[in-house]
């Protein structure tokens, strides 16, 4: 049985609470390992890579590229464990 992992927008520090989601690097269905880049965001100060905190298969993007995301907001979902043939959690 698979378990779901929620990937959230990290804290950016320096009083920054939001960023522009520039690009999804990991597509839905991609297998990612802990530390792999999932997305790129841009704050007023820099472009930052968001990395997977755990390994799994990307099952959902919860924001679209070009939108503003806020620290703590749900950004993506991963399935950990066995998947069915379509790559969906069993």
C-alpha atoms as a PDB file:
ATOM      1  CA  UNK A   1       0.000   0.000   0.000  1.00  0.00           C
ATOM      2  CA  UNK A   2       1.301   3.464  -0.931  1.00  0.00           C
ATOM      3  CA  UNK A   3       1.426   6.432   1.357  1.00  0.00           C
ATOM      4  CA  UNK A   4       1.014  10.024   0.237  1.00  0.00           C
ATOM      5  CA  UNK A   5       3.624  12.673   0.925  1.00  0.00           C
ATOM      6  CA  UNK A   6       2.736  16.363   0.763  1.00  0.00           C
ATOM      7  CA  UNK A   7       5.438  18.713  -0.491  1.00  0.00           C
ATOM      8  CA  UNK A   8       4.996  22.236   0.812  1.00  0.00           C
ATOM      9  CA  UNK A   9       6.516  25.566  -0.134  1.00  0.00           C
ATOM     10  CA  UNK A  10       9.498  26.123   2.188  1.00  0.00           C
ATOM     11  CA  UNK A  11      10.195  29.211   4.257  1.00  0.00           C
ATOM     12  CA  UNK A  12      12.393  31.598   2.274  1.00  0.00           C
ATOM     13  CA  UNK A  13      13.701  33.551   5.267  1.00  0.00           C
ATOM     14  CA  UNK A  14      14.601  37.255   5.310  1.00  0.00           C
ATOM     15  CA  UNK A  15      10.927  38.172   5.742  1.00  0.00           C
ATOM     16  CA  UNK A  16       9.968  36.689   2.365  1.00  0.00           C
ATOM     17  CA  UNK A  17       6.662  34.822   2.498  1.00  0.00           C
ATOM     18  CA  UNK A  18       5.898  34.275  -1.177  1.00  0.00           C
ATOM     19  CA  UNK A  19       7.527  33.496  -4.507  1.00  0.00           C
ATOM     20  CA  UNK A  20       6.676  33.081  -8.176  1.00  0.00           C
ATOM     21  CA  UNK A  21       6.531  29.438  -9.291  1.00  0.00           C
ATOM     22  CA  UNK A  22       8.745  29.675 -12.378  1.00  0.00           C
ATOM     23  CA  UNK A  23       8.913  26.069 -13.554  1.00  0.00           C
ATOM     24  CA  UNK A  24       8.047  22.499 -12.663  1.00  0.00           C
ATOM     25  CA  UNK A  25      11.214  20.424 -13.105  1.00  0.00           C
ATOM     26  CA  UNK A  26       9.595  17.139 -12.033  1.00  0.00           C
ATOM     27  CA  UNK A  27       6.533  16.216 -14.078  1.00  0.00           C
ATOM     28  CA  UNK A  28       3.531  14.263 -12.839  1.00  0.00           C
ATOM     29  CA  UNK A  29       4.516  10.596 -13.012  1.00  0.00           C
ATOM     30  CA  UNK A  30       8.248  11.255 -12.532  1.00  0.00           C
ATOM     31  CA  UNK A  31      10.116   9.292  -9.884  1.00  0.00           C
ATOM     32  CA  UNK A  32      12.176  11.593  -7.642  1.00  0.00           C
ATOM     33  CA  UNK A  33      14.761  10.851  -4.985  1.00  0.00           C
ATOM     34  CA  UNK A  34      15.293  12.848  -1.825  1.00  0.00           C
ATOM     35  CA  UNK A  35      17.189  15.995  -2.812  1.00  0.00           C
ATOM     36  CA  UNK A  36      16.062  16.018  -6.465  1.00  0.00           C
ATOM     37  CA  UNK A  37      14.833  19.362  -7.788  1.00  0.00           C
ATOM     38  CA  UNK A  38      11.043  19.394  -8.078  1.00  0.00           C
ATOM     39  CA  UNK A  39      10.438  23.047  -9.008  1.00  0.00           C
ATOM     40  CA  UNK A  40      12.070  26.456  -9.331  1.00  0.00           C
ATOM     41  CA  UNK A  41      10.685  29.566  -7.652  1.00  0.00           C
ATOM     42  CA  UNK A  42      11.744  33.188  -7.766  1.00  0.00           C
ATOM     43  CA  UNK A  43      11.605  35.617  -4.848  1.00  0.00           C
ATOM     44  CA  UNK A  44      12.435  39.328  -4.882  1.00  0.00           C
ATOM     45  CA  UNK A  45      16.019  38.343  -4.092  1.00  0.00           C
ATOM     46  CA  UNK A  46      16.863  35.112  -5.963  1.00  0.00           C
ATOM     47  CA  UNK A  47      15.772  32.055  -7.901  1.00  0.00           C
ATOM     48  CA  UNK A  48      15.573  29.007  -5.640  1.00  0.00           C
ATOM     49  CA  UNK A  49      15.245  25.299  -6.317  1.00  0.00           C
ATOM     50  CA  UNK A  50      12.670  23.379  -4.310  1.00  0.00           C
ATOM     51  CA  UNK A  51      13.899  19.855  -3.646  1.00  0.00           C
ATOM     52  CA  UNK A  52      12.060  16.690  -2.666  1.00  0.00           C
ATOM     53  CA  UNK A  53      12.338  15.965   1.044  1.00  0.00           C
ATOM     54  CA  UNK A  54      11.513  12.285   0.431  1.00  0.00           C
ATOM     55  CA  UNK A  55      11.652   9.847  -2.463  1.00  0.00           C
ATOM     56  CA  UNK A  56       8.520   8.949  -4.417  1.00  0.00           C
ATOM     57  CA  UNK A  57       6.540   9.424  -7.615  1.00  0.00           C
ATOM     58  CA  UNK A  58       5.012  12.842  -8.335  1.00  0.00           C
ATOM     59  CA  UNK A  59       1.227  12.389  -8.410  1.00  0.00           C
ATOM     60  CA  UNK A  60       0.030  16.020  -8.404  1.00  0.00           C
ATOM     61  CA  UNK A  61       1.099  19.624  -8.894  1.00  0.00           C
ATOM     62  CA  UNK A  62      -0.981  21.881  -6.655  1.00  0.00           C
ATOM     63  CA  UNK A  63      -0.027  25.175  -8.337  1.00  0.00           C
ATOM     64  CA  UNK A  64       0.595  26.240 -11.912  1.00  0.00           C
ATOM     65  CA  UNK A  65       3.811  27.759 -13.234  1.00  0.00           C
ATOM     66  CA  UNK A  66       3.436  31.526 -13.291  1.00  0.00           C
ATOM     67  CA  UNK A  67       1.448  31.727 -10.048  1.00  0.00           C
ATOM     68  CA  UNK A  68       2.448  33.083  -6.653  1.00  0.00           C
ATOM     69  CA  UNK A  69       2.997  30.470  -3.933  1.00  0.00           C
ATOM     70  CA  UNK A  70       3.292  31.145  -0.206  1.00  0.00           C
ATOM     71  CA  UNK A  71       5.455  29.531   2.467  1.00  0.00           C
ATOM     72  CA  UNK A  72       3.702  26.511   3.964  1.00  0.00           C
ATOM     73  CA  UNK A  73       1.268  26.127   1.048  1.00  0.00           C
ATOM     74  CA  UNK A  74       0.766  22.664  -0.474  1.00  0.00           C
ATOM     75  CA  UNK A  75       2.864  22.553  -3.658  1.00  0.00           C
ATOM     76  CA  UNK A  76       2.922  18.920  -4.836  1.00  0.00           C
ATOM     77  CA  UNK A  77       2.117  15.357  -3.805  1.00  0.00           C
ATOM     78  CA  UNK A  78       4.266  12.230  -3.967  1.00  0.00           C
ATOM     79  CA  UNK A  79       3.254   8.585  -3.683  1.00  0.00           C
ATOM     80  CA  UNK A  80       5.624   6.455  -1.674  1.00  0.00           C
ATOM     81  CA  UNK A  81       5.433   2.680  -2.084  1.00  0.00           C
ATOM     82  CA  UNK A  82       3.927   0.405  -4.752  1.00  0.00           C
ATOM     83  CA  UNK A  83       2.036   1.989  -7.640  1.00  0.00           C
ATOM     84  CA  UNK A  84      -0.435   0.523 -10.097  1.00  0.00           C
ATOM     85  CA  UNK A  85       0.338   0.316 -13.838  1.00  0.00           C
ATOM     86  CA  UNK A  86      -0.785   3.888 -14.511  1.00  0.00           C
ATOM     87  CA  UNK A  87       1.496   5.237 -11.795  1.00  0.00           C
ATOM     88  CA  UNK A  88      -1.369   5.979  -9.430  1.00  0.00           C
ATOM     89  CA  UNK A  89      -1.351   5.007  -5.788  1.00  0.00           C
ATOM     90  CA  UNK A  90      -2.936   1.644  -5.060  1.00  0.00           C
END
